Amino acid sequence: MLVIGAAVLLIASLCAPQAAASPDTARQHLLGVALAPGTAGLTPQLGVAYTLAYRDARAAGVPMYVNSGKRSRAEQASLWRQGIRDYGSAAEARRWVLPPDESTHVTGQAIDVGPRAGAAWLQANGVRWGLCRTFDNEWWHFELVAVPGTHCPRRVPDASRR
């Protein structure tokens, strides 16, 4: 499985996904294979890794979906401004949201997963595809940060510690 997963990720890194009409409604395809819903705009590697995890979660009867994946700079800037208003300062907001120049969502390298049962399943099984939860305070946030089948790196307390 590790060799197959690594090969799929290598192939994905050499190909760009087809443009989708709308990230919310259209299915992306990579090498003719439909990617999971919510993967539009993600890096090909993350899109493939999440799709493989999504299929296994569904086969196990676990609900899982992408709440938030690729974000535009404008969307992230709006979230950043709202975070500053909600938390009272940029320093406190950084624990939960980052400015566009620092967010891995803007580069298509992060996903927020729901529901909680799906995120728990992904935390327990995601490293099979290199997917890891990266922040202690965000049970929903995952990134492709490990070699598939190895170990996830230690999580940091929150985004401000990145």
N, C-alpha and C. Protein backbone atom coordinates (compact mmCIF):
# COMPACT_ATOMS: atom_id res chain seq x y z
N MET A 1 0.82 -1.19 0.00
CA MET A 1 0.00 0.00 0.00
C MET A 1 0.87 1.25 0.00
N LEU A 2 1.94 1.27 0.78
CA LEU A 2 2.82 2.44 0.84
C LEU A 2 3.40 2.75 -0.53
N VAL A 3 3.86 1.74 -1.25
CA VAL A 3 4.45 1.94 -2.58
C VAL A 3 3.39 2.46 -3.54
N ILE A 4 2.20 1.89 -3.49
CA ILE A 4 1.12 2.33 -4.38
C ILE A 4 0.74 3.76 -4.05
N GLY A 5 0.57 4.08 -2.75
CA GLY A 5 0.22 5.44 -2.35
C GLY A 5 1.27 6.44 -2.77
N ALA A 6 2.53 6.09 -2.60
CA ALA A 6 3.61 6.99 -3.00
C ALA A 6 3.62 7.19 -4.51
N ALA A 7 3.35 6.13 -5.26
CA ALA A 7 3.31 6.23 -6.72
C ALA A 7 2.16 7.14 -7.17
N VAL A 8 1.00 7.00 -6.54
CA VAL A 8 -0.14 7.84 -6.88
C VAL A 8 0.18 9.30 -6.60
N LEU A 9 0.80 9.56 -5.46
CA LEU A 9 1.16 10.94 -5.13
C LEU A 9 2.21 11.50 -6.07
N LEU A 10 3.17 10.67 -6.49
CA LEU A 10 4.18 11.12 -7.44
C LEU A 10 3.53 11.46 -8.78
N ILE A 11 2.65 10.60 -9.26
CA ILE A 11 1.95 10.87 -10.53
C ILE A 11 1.14 12.14 -10.39
N ALA A 12 0.43 12.28 -9.26
CA ALA A 12 -0.39 13.47 -9.06
C ALA A 12 0.45 14.74 -9.07
N SER A 13 1.66 14.67 -8.55
CA SER A 13 2.50 15.86 -8.51
C SER A 13 2.95 16.30 -9.90
N LEU A 14 2.87 15.40 -10.86
CA LEU A 14 3.29 15.72 -12.21
C LEU A 14 2.13 16.20 -13.08
N CYS A 15 0.91 16.13 -12.57
CA CYS A 15 -0.28 16.48 -13.34
C CYS A 15 -1.05 17.58 -12.64
N ALA A 16 -1.69 18.43 -13.40
CA ALA A 16 -2.56 19.45 -12.82
C ALA A 16 -4.00 18.98 -12.95
N PRO A 17 -4.83 19.26 -11.94
CA PRO A 17 -6.23 18.87 -12.04
C PRO A 17 -6.93 19.68 -13.11
N GLN A 18 -7.98 19.10 -13.71
CA GLN A 18 -8.77 19.83 -14.69
C GLN A 18 -9.53 20.93 -13.98
N ALA A 19 -9.74 22.02 -14.66
CA ALA A 19 -10.50 23.12 -14.07
C ALA A 19 -11.93 22.68 -13.83
N ALA A 20 -12.47 23.06 -12.72
CA ALA A 20 -13.85 22.74 -12.38
C ALA A 20 -14.69 24.00 -12.55
N ALA A 21 -15.96 23.80 -12.90
CA ALA A 21 -16.86 24.93 -13.08
C ALA A 21 -17.07 25.68 -11.77
N SER A 22 -17.23 24.96 -10.69
CA SER A 22 -17.42 25.56 -9.38
C SER A 22 -16.87 24.62 -8.34
N PRO A 23 -16.05 25.11 -7.41
CA PRO A 23 -15.48 24.22 -6.39
C PRO A 23 -16.53 23.50 -5.56
N ASP A 24 -17.71 24.09 -5.41
CA ASP A 24 -18.74 23.49 -4.57
C ASP A 24 -19.56 22.42 -5.29
N THR A 25 -19.70 22.53 -6.61
CA THR A 25 -20.61 21.63 -7.30
C THR A 25 -19.94 20.66 -8.26
N ALA A 26 -18.85 21.05 -8.88
CA ALA A 26 -18.21 20.21 -9.88
C ALA A 26 -17.22 19.25 -9.23
N ARG A 27 -17.07 18.08 -9.81
CA ARG A 27 -16.08 17.11 -9.34
C ARG A 27 -14.82 17.32 -10.14
N GLN A 28 -13.71 17.37 -9.48
CA GLN A 28 -12.43 17.45 -10.16
C GLN A 28 -12.02 16.05 -10.57
N HIS A 29 -11.22 15.98 -11.59
CA HIS A 29 -10.69 14.70 -12.05
C HIS A 29 -9.19 14.82 -12.19
N LEU A 30 -8.51 13.75 -11.88
CA LEU A 30 -7.07 13.67 -12.05
C LEU A 30 -6.78 12.34 -12.71
N LEU A 31 -6.18 12.37 -13.88
CA LEU A 31 -5.91 11.17 -14.65
C LEU A 31 -7.19 10.36 -14.87
N GLY A 32 -8.31 11.08 -15.05
CA GLY A 32 -9.58 10.43 -15.32
C GLY A 32 -10.29 9.87 -14.10
N VAL A 33 -9.74 10.07 -12.92
CA VAL A 33 -10.35 9.57 -11.70
C VAL A 33 -11.01 10.73 -10.97
N ALA A 34 -12.27 10.54 -10.57
CA ALA A 34 -12.98 11.59 -9.85
C ALA A 34 -12.39 11.75 -8.45
N LEU A 35 -12.08 12.99 -8.12
CA LEU A 35 -11.59 13.30 -6.78
C LEU A 35 -12.78 13.54 -5.86
N ALA A 36 -12.56 13.43 -4.57
CA ALA A 36 -13.61 13.60 -3.57
C ALA A 36 -14.17 15.03 -3.62
N PRO A 37 -15.42 15.19 -3.21
CA PRO A 37 -15.99 16.54 -3.13
C PRO A 37 -15.15 17.42 -2.20
N GLY A 38 -15.06 18.70 -2.55
CA GLY A 38 -14.33 19.65 -1.71
C GLY A 38 -12.85 19.77 -2.02
N THR A 39 -12.37 19.06 -3.03
CA THR A 39 -10.94 19.07 -3.33
C THR A 39 -10.54 20.08 -4.40
N ALA A 40 -11.50 20.78 -4.99
CA ALA A 40 -11.18 21.76 -6.03
C ALA A 40 -10.21 22.80 -5.48
N GLY A 41 -9.16 23.06 -6.23
CA GLY A 41 -8.18 24.07 -5.86
C GLY A 41 -7.05 23.58 -4.96
N LEU A 42 -7.21 22.38 -4.41
CA LEU A 42 -6.13 21.83 -3.58
C LEU A 42 -4.96 21.42 -4.47
N THR A 43 -3.77 21.30 -3.89
CA THR A 43 -2.66 20.75 -4.65
C THR A 43 -3.05 19.36 -5.11
N PRO A 44 -2.56 18.89 -6.24
CA PRO A 44 -2.90 17.53 -6.68
C PRO A 44 -2.56 16.48 -5.63
N GLN A 45 -1.44 16.64 -4.94
CA GLN A 45 -1.04 15.67 -3.93
C GLN A 45 -2.07 15.59 -2.80
N LEU A 46 -2.49 16.75 -2.30
CA LEU A 46 -3.47 16.76 -1.22
C LEU A 46 -4.82 16.25 -1.71
N GLY A 47 -5.21 16.64 -2.91
CA GLY A 47 -6.48 16.16 -3.46
C GLY A 47 -6.53 14.65 -3.57
N VAL A 48 -5.46 14.04 -4.05
CA VAL A 48 -5.41 12.58 -4.18
C VAL A 48 -5.37 11.92 -2.80
N ALA A 49 -4.53 12.42 -1.91
CA ALA A 49 -4.42 11.83 -0.57
C ALA A 49 -5.76 11.88 0.15
N TYR A 50 -6.43 13.02 0.11
CA TYR A 50 -7.73 13.12 0.77
C TYR A 50 -8.75 12.20 0.10
N THR A 51 -8.74 12.13 -1.22
CA THR A 51 -9.69 11.26 -1.93
C THR A 51 -9.53 9.81 -1.50
N LEU A 52 -8.30 9.35 -1.39
CA LEU A 52 -8.07 7.96 -0.96
C LEU A 52 -8.56 7.74 0.47
N ALA A 53 -8.30 8.71 1.34
CA ALA A 53 -8.78 8.61 2.73
C ALA A 53 -10.31 8.67 2.76
N TYR A 54 -10.89 9.56 2.01
CA TYR A 54 -12.34 9.73 1.94
C TYR A 54 -13.02 8.42 1.52
N ARG A 55 -12.47 7.77 0.52
CA ARG A 55 -13.05 6.50 0.05
C ARG A 55 -12.97 5.42 1.14
N ASP A 56 -11.85 5.34 1.83
CA ASP A 56 -11.74 4.34 2.91
C ASP A 56 -12.66 4.67 4.07
N ALA A 57 -12.80 5.94 4.40
CA ALA A 57 -13.70 6.35 5.48
C ALA A 57 -15.14 5.96 5.13
N ARG A 58 -15.54 6.26 3.91
CA ARG A 58 -16.90 5.89 3.48
C ARG A 58 -17.11 4.39 3.52
N ALA A 59 -16.11 3.63 3.06
CA ALA A 59 -16.21 2.17 3.10
C ALA A 59 -16.34 1.65 4.53
N ALA A 60 -15.78 2.39 5.48
CA ALA A 60 -15.86 2.01 6.89
C ALA A 60 -17.13 2.57 7.55
N GLY A 61 -17.95 3.27 6.78
CA GLY A 61 -19.18 3.84 7.32
C GLY A 61 -18.99 5.13 8.09
N VAL A 62 -17.87 5.79 7.88
CA VAL A 62 -17.56 7.03 8.62
C VAL A 62 -17.85 8.23 7.71
N PRO A 63 -18.70 9.14 8.17
CA PRO A 63 -18.96 10.35 7.36
C PRO A 63 -17.77 11.29 7.43
N MET A 64 -17.41 11.86 6.30
CA MET A 64 -16.29 12.79 6.27
C MET A 64 -16.47 13.72 5.08
N TYR A 65 -16.18 15.00 5.28
CA TYR A 65 -16.27 15.96 4.19
C TYR A 65 -15.31 17.12 4.46
N VAL A 66 -14.99 17.85 3.41
CA VAL A 66 -14.15 19.04 3.52
C VAL A 66 -15.07 20.22 3.81
N ASN A 67 -14.91 20.82 4.99
CA ASN A 67 -15.64 22.04 5.34
C ASN A 67 -15.05 23.24 4.63
N SER A 68 -13.71 23.27 4.55
CA SER A 68 -13.01 24.37 3.92
C SER A 68 -11.69 23.84 3.38
N GLY A 69 -11.42 24.14 2.14
CA GLY A 69 -10.16 23.71 1.53
C GLY A 69 -9.42 24.93 1.01
N LYS A 70 -9.30 25.01 -0.30
CA LYS A 70 -8.64 26.15 -0.95
C LYS A 70 -9.46 27.41 -0.71
N ARG A 71 -8.78 28.46 -0.27
CA ARG A 71 -9.42 29.76 -0.08
C ARG A 71 -8.70 30.81 -0.92
N SER A 72 -9.46 31.74 -1.43
CA SER A 72 -8.84 32.86 -2.15
C SER A 72 -8.17 33.77 -1.12
N ARG A 73 -7.26 34.60 -1.61
CA ARG A 73 -6.61 35.58 -0.73
C ARG A 73 -7.66 36.51 -0.12
N ALA A 74 -8.65 36.90 -0.91
CA ALA A 74 -9.69 37.80 -0.41
C ALA A 74 -10.51 37.13 0.70
N GLU A 75 -10.86 35.86 0.51
CA GLU A 75 -11.61 35.15 1.54
C GLU A 75 -10.79 35.04 2.82
N GLN A 76 -9.51 34.72 2.69
CA GLN A 76 -8.65 34.59 3.86
C GLN A 76 -8.46 35.94 4.54
N ALA A 77 -8.34 36.99 3.76
CA ALA A 77 -8.20 38.34 4.34
C ALA A 77 -9.45 38.71 5.13
N SER A 78 -10.61 38.34 4.61
CA SER A 78 -11.85 38.60 5.32
C SER A 78 -11.91 37.81 6.63
N LEU A 79 -11.51 36.54 6.59
CA LEU A 79 -11.47 35.72 7.81
C LEU A 79 -10.48 36.31 8.82
N TRP A 80 -9.35 36.80 8.33
CA TRP A 80 -8.33 37.40 9.19
C TRP A 80 -8.88 38.65 9.89
N ARG A 81 -9.52 39.53 9.11
CA ARG A 81 -10.10 40.75 9.71
C ARG A 81 -11.18 40.39 10.73
N GLN A 82 -12.01 39.40 10.41
CA GLN A 82 -13.05 38.97 11.34
C GLN A 82 -12.43 38.37 12.60
N GLY A 83 -11.35 37.62 12.44
CA GLY A 83 -10.66 37.05 13.59
C GLY A 83 -10.13 38.12 14.53
N ILE A 84 -9.57 39.18 13.97
CA ILE A 84 -9.07 40.28 14.80
C ILE A 84 -10.23 40.92 15.56
N ARG A 85 -11.36 41.12 14.88
CA ARG A 85 -12.54 41.68 15.57
C ARG A 85 -13.02 40.73 16.67
N ASP A 86 -13.11 39.44 16.35
CA ASP A 86 -13.65 38.46 17.30
C ASP A 86 -12.75 38.25 18.52
N TYR A 87 -11.44 38.22 18.29
CA TYR A 87 -10.50 37.88 19.37
C TYR A 87 -9.83 39.10 20.00
N GLY A 88 -10.04 40.30 19.42
CA GLY A 88 -9.56 41.52 20.05
C GLY A 88 -8.17 41.97 19.69
N SER A 89 -7.37 41.10 19.07
CA SER A 89 -6.02 41.51 18.67
C SER A 89 -5.50 40.54 17.61
N ALA A 90 -4.52 41.02 16.85
CA ALA A 90 -3.90 40.15 15.84
C ALA A 90 -3.20 38.97 16.51
N ALA A 91 -2.56 39.22 17.63
CA ALA A 91 -1.83 38.15 18.32
C ALA A 91 -2.78 37.03 18.76
N GLU A 92 -3.94 37.40 19.28
CA GLU A 92 -4.90 36.38 19.73
C GLU A 92 -5.58 35.72 18.53
N ALA A 93 -5.88 36.49 17.49
CA ALA A 93 -6.51 35.93 16.29
C ALA A 93 -5.62 34.88 15.63
N ARG A 94 -4.29 35.10 15.66
CA ARG A 94 -3.35 34.18 15.01
C ARG A 94 -3.45 32.75 15.55
N ARG A 95 -4.00 32.59 16.74
CA ARG A 95 -4.17 31.24 17.28
C ARG A 95 -5.17 30.45 16.43
N TRP A 96 -6.09 31.15 15.73
CA TRP A 96 -7.19 30.49 15.02
C TRP A 96 -7.21 30.77 13.52
N VAL A 97 -6.64 31.85 13.10
CA VAL A 97 -6.68 32.23 11.68
C VAL A 97 -5.40 33.00 11.35
N LEU A 98 -4.89 32.79 10.15
CA LEU A 98 -3.66 33.48 9.73
C LEU A 98 -3.95 34.44 8.59
N PRO A 99 -3.10 35.46 8.43
CA PRO A 99 -3.25 36.36 7.29
C PRO A 99 -3.00 35.60 5.98
N PRO A 100 -3.49 36.12 4.87
CA PRO A 100 -3.38 35.41 3.59
C PRO A 100 -1.97 34.96 3.21
N ASP A 101 -0.97 35.76 3.52
CA ASP A 101 0.41 35.41 3.13
C ASP A 101 0.95 34.21 3.91
N GLU A 102 0.28 33.82 5.00
CA GLU A 102 0.78 32.73 5.84
C GLU A 102 -0.13 31.50 5.86
N SER A 103 -1.32 31.61 5.31
CA SER A 103 -2.29 30.52 5.40
C SER A 103 -2.03 29.43 4.36
N THR A 104 -1.99 28.19 4.81
CA THR A 104 -1.85 27.06 3.88
C THR A 104 -3.15 26.79 3.12
N HIS A 105 -4.26 27.37 3.56
CA HIS A 105 -5.50 27.25 2.79
C HIS A 105 -5.39 28.04 1.48
N VAL A 106 -4.73 29.18 1.52
CA VAL A 106 -4.59 30.02 0.33
C VAL A 106 -3.78 29.31 -0.75
N THR A 107 -2.83 28.51 -0.36
CA THR A 107 -2.00 27.78 -1.33
C THR A 107 -2.58 26.40 -1.67
N GLY A 108 -3.74 26.07 -1.13
CA GLY A 108 -4.37 24.78 -1.43
C GLY A 108 -3.69 23.62 -0.73
N GLN A 109 -3.01 23.88 0.39
CA GLN A 109 -2.26 22.84 1.08
C GLN A 109 -2.87 22.45 2.43
N ALA A 110 -4.14 22.83 2.67
CA ALA A 110 -4.78 22.49 3.94
C ALA A 110 -6.26 22.25 3.72
N ILE A 111 -6.83 21.39 4.57
CA ILE A 111 -8.27 21.15 4.57
C ILE A 111 -8.78 21.17 6.01
N ASP A 112 -9.99 21.65 6.15
CA ASP A 112 -10.71 21.55 7.42
C ASP A 112 -11.78 20.49 7.19
N VAL A 113 -11.79 19.48 8.04
CA VAL A 113 -12.62 18.29 7.84
C VAL A 113 -13.72 18.22 8.90
N GLY A 114 -14.88 17.79 8.49
CA GLY A 114 -16.00 17.54 9.39
C GLY A 114 -16.66 16.24 8.98
N PRO A 115 -17.61 15.77 9.74
CA PRO A 115 -17.91 16.17 11.10
C PRO A 115 -16.80 15.69 12.04
N ARG A 116 -17.02 15.85 13.31
CA ARG A 116 -15.98 15.48 14.28
C ARG A 116 -15.59 14.01 14.16
N ALA A 117 -16.56 13.13 13.91
CA ALA A 117 -16.26 11.69 13.77
C ALA A 117 -15.36 11.45 12.56
N GLY A 118 -15.58 12.18 11.47
CA GLY A 118 -14.73 12.05 10.29
C GLY A 118 -13.33 12.56 10.56
N ALA A 119 -13.22 13.68 11.27
CA ALA A 119 -11.91 14.23 11.61
C ALA A 119 -11.16 13.29 12.56
N ALA A 120 -11.89 12.67 13.50
CA ALA A 120 -11.25 11.72 14.42
C ALA A 120 -10.74 10.51 13.65
N TRP A 121 -11.54 10.04 12.69
CA TRP A 121 -11.12 8.90 11.86
C TRP A 121 -9.87 9.30 11.06
N LEU A 122 -9.87 10.51 10.49
CA LEU A 122 -8.73 10.94 9.69
C LEU A 122 -7.49 11.11 10.56
N GLN A 123 -7.67 11.60 11.77
CA GLN A 123 -6.52 11.72 12.67
C GLN A 123 -5.92 10.35 12.97
N ALA A 124 -6.76 9.35 13.16
CA ALA A 124 -6.28 8.00 13.47
C ALA A 124 -5.71 7.27 12.27
N ASN A 125 -6.19 7.58 11.06
CA ASN A 125 -5.83 6.81 9.87
C ASN A 125 -5.14 7.60 8.77
N GLY A 126 -5.17 8.91 8.84
CA GLY A 126 -4.69 9.75 7.74
C GLY A 126 -3.24 9.60 7.37
N VAL A 127 -2.40 9.22 8.31
CA VAL A 127 -0.97 9.10 8.00
C VAL A 127 -0.72 8.02 6.94
N ARG A 128 -1.67 7.12 6.75
CA ARG A 128 -1.52 6.12 5.67
C ARG A 128 -1.35 6.82 4.32
N TRP A 129 -1.88 8.04 4.22
CA TRP A 129 -1.78 8.83 2.98
C TRP A 129 -0.94 10.08 3.20
N GLY A 130 -0.33 10.24 4.37
CA GLY A 130 0.48 11.41 4.68
C GLY A 130 -0.28 12.57 5.28
N LEU A 131 -1.57 12.36 5.57
CA LEU A 131 -2.41 13.43 6.13
C LEU A 131 -2.33 13.45 7.65
N CYS A 132 -2.08 14.64 8.19
CA CYS A 132 -1.92 14.78 9.64
C CYS A 132 -2.63 16.02 10.14
N ARG A 133 -3.14 15.92 11.35
CA ARG A 133 -3.66 17.09 12.05
C ARG A 133 -2.44 17.88 12.51
N THR A 134 -2.43 19.19 12.30
CA THR A 134 -1.21 19.95 12.56
C THR A 134 -1.28 20.86 13.79
N PHE A 135 -2.49 21.20 14.27
CA PHE A 135 -2.64 22.10 15.41
C PHE A 135 -3.42 21.42 16.53
N ASP A 136 -2.95 21.55 17.76
CA ASP A 136 -3.66 20.98 18.92
C ASP A 136 -5.05 21.58 19.08
N ASN A 137 -5.20 22.86 18.82
CA ASN A 137 -6.48 23.52 19.09
C ASN A 137 -7.49 23.42 17.95
N GLU A 138 -7.14 22.80 16.84
CA GLU A 138 -8.06 22.68 15.71
C GLU A 138 -8.19 21.22 15.32
N TRP A 139 -9.21 20.55 15.86
CA TRP A 139 -9.41 19.12 15.58
C TRP A 139 -9.76 18.88 14.11
N TRP A 140 -10.09 19.91 13.37
CA TRP A 140 -10.56 19.81 12.00
C TRP A 140 -9.49 20.08 10.94
N HIS A 141 -8.35 20.61 11.29
CA HIS A 141 -7.35 21.09 10.32
C HIS A 141 -6.30 20.01 10.02
N PHE A 142 -6.17 19.66 8.71
CA PHE A 142 -5.22 18.63 8.26
C PHE A 142 -4.40 19.14 7.10
N GLU A 143 -3.16 18.66 7.06
CA GLU A 143 -2.25 18.98 5.96
C GLU A 143 -1.49 17.73 5.56
N LEU A 144 -0.96 17.74 4.36
CA LEU A 144 -0.14 16.64 3.85
C LEU A 144 1.30 16.92 4.28
N VAL A 145 1.70 16.38 5.45
CA VAL A 145 3.00 16.73 6.03
C VAL A 145 3.86 15.52 6.39
N ALA A 146 3.42 14.32 6.02
CA ALA A 146 4.19 13.12 6.36
C ALA A 146 4.36 12.26 5.12
N VAL A 147 5.36 11.43 5.14
CA VAL A 147 5.50 10.41 4.11
C VAL A 147 4.43 9.37 4.40
N PRO A 148 3.61 9.01 3.39
CA PRO A 148 2.54 8.04 3.65
C PRO A 148 3.06 6.78 4.34
N GLY A 149 2.33 6.39 5.38
CA GLY A 149 2.65 5.16 6.09
C GLY A 149 3.70 5.31 7.18
N THR A 150 4.19 6.52 7.43
CA THR A 150 5.20 6.70 8.48
C THR A 150 4.52 7.24 9.74
N HIS A 151 4.99 8.36 10.27
CA HIS A 151 4.41 8.98 11.46
C HIS A 151 4.17 10.45 11.20
N CYS A 152 3.14 10.98 11.83
CA CYS A 152 2.88 12.42 11.75
C CYS A 152 3.87 13.16 12.62
N PRO A 153 4.29 14.34 12.18
CA PRO A 153 5.14 15.15 13.05
C PRO A 153 4.35 15.64 14.26
N ARG A 154 5.04 16.06 15.28
CA ARG A 154 4.39 16.58 16.49
C ARG A 154 3.56 17.81 16.11
N ARG A 155 2.35 17.86 16.64
CA ARG A 155 1.49 19.02 16.42
C ARG A 155 2.01 20.22 17.21
N VAL A 156 1.71 21.40 16.69
CA VAL A 156 2.01 22.61 17.43
C VAL A 156 0.73 23.07 18.14
N PRO A 157 0.85 23.86 19.21
CA PRO A 157 -0.34 24.22 19.98
C PRO A 157 -1.42 24.94 19.15
N ASP A 158 -1.00 25.85 18.26
CA ASP A 158 -1.95 26.59 17.44
C ASP A 158 -1.18 27.24 16.29
N ALA A 159 -1.93 27.89 15.39
CA ALA A 159 -1.33 28.46 14.18
C ALA A 159 -0.29 29.55 14.48
N SER A 160 -0.40 30.20 15.62
CA SER A 160 0.56 31.26 15.94
C SER A 160 1.96 30.70 16.19
N ARG A 161 2.08 29.42 16.41
CA ARG A 161 3.37 28.79 16.69
C ARG A 161 4.02 28.19 15.46
N ARG A 162 3.40 28.34 14.32
CA ARG A 162 3.92 27.76 13.08
C ARG A 162 5.24 28.38 12.73
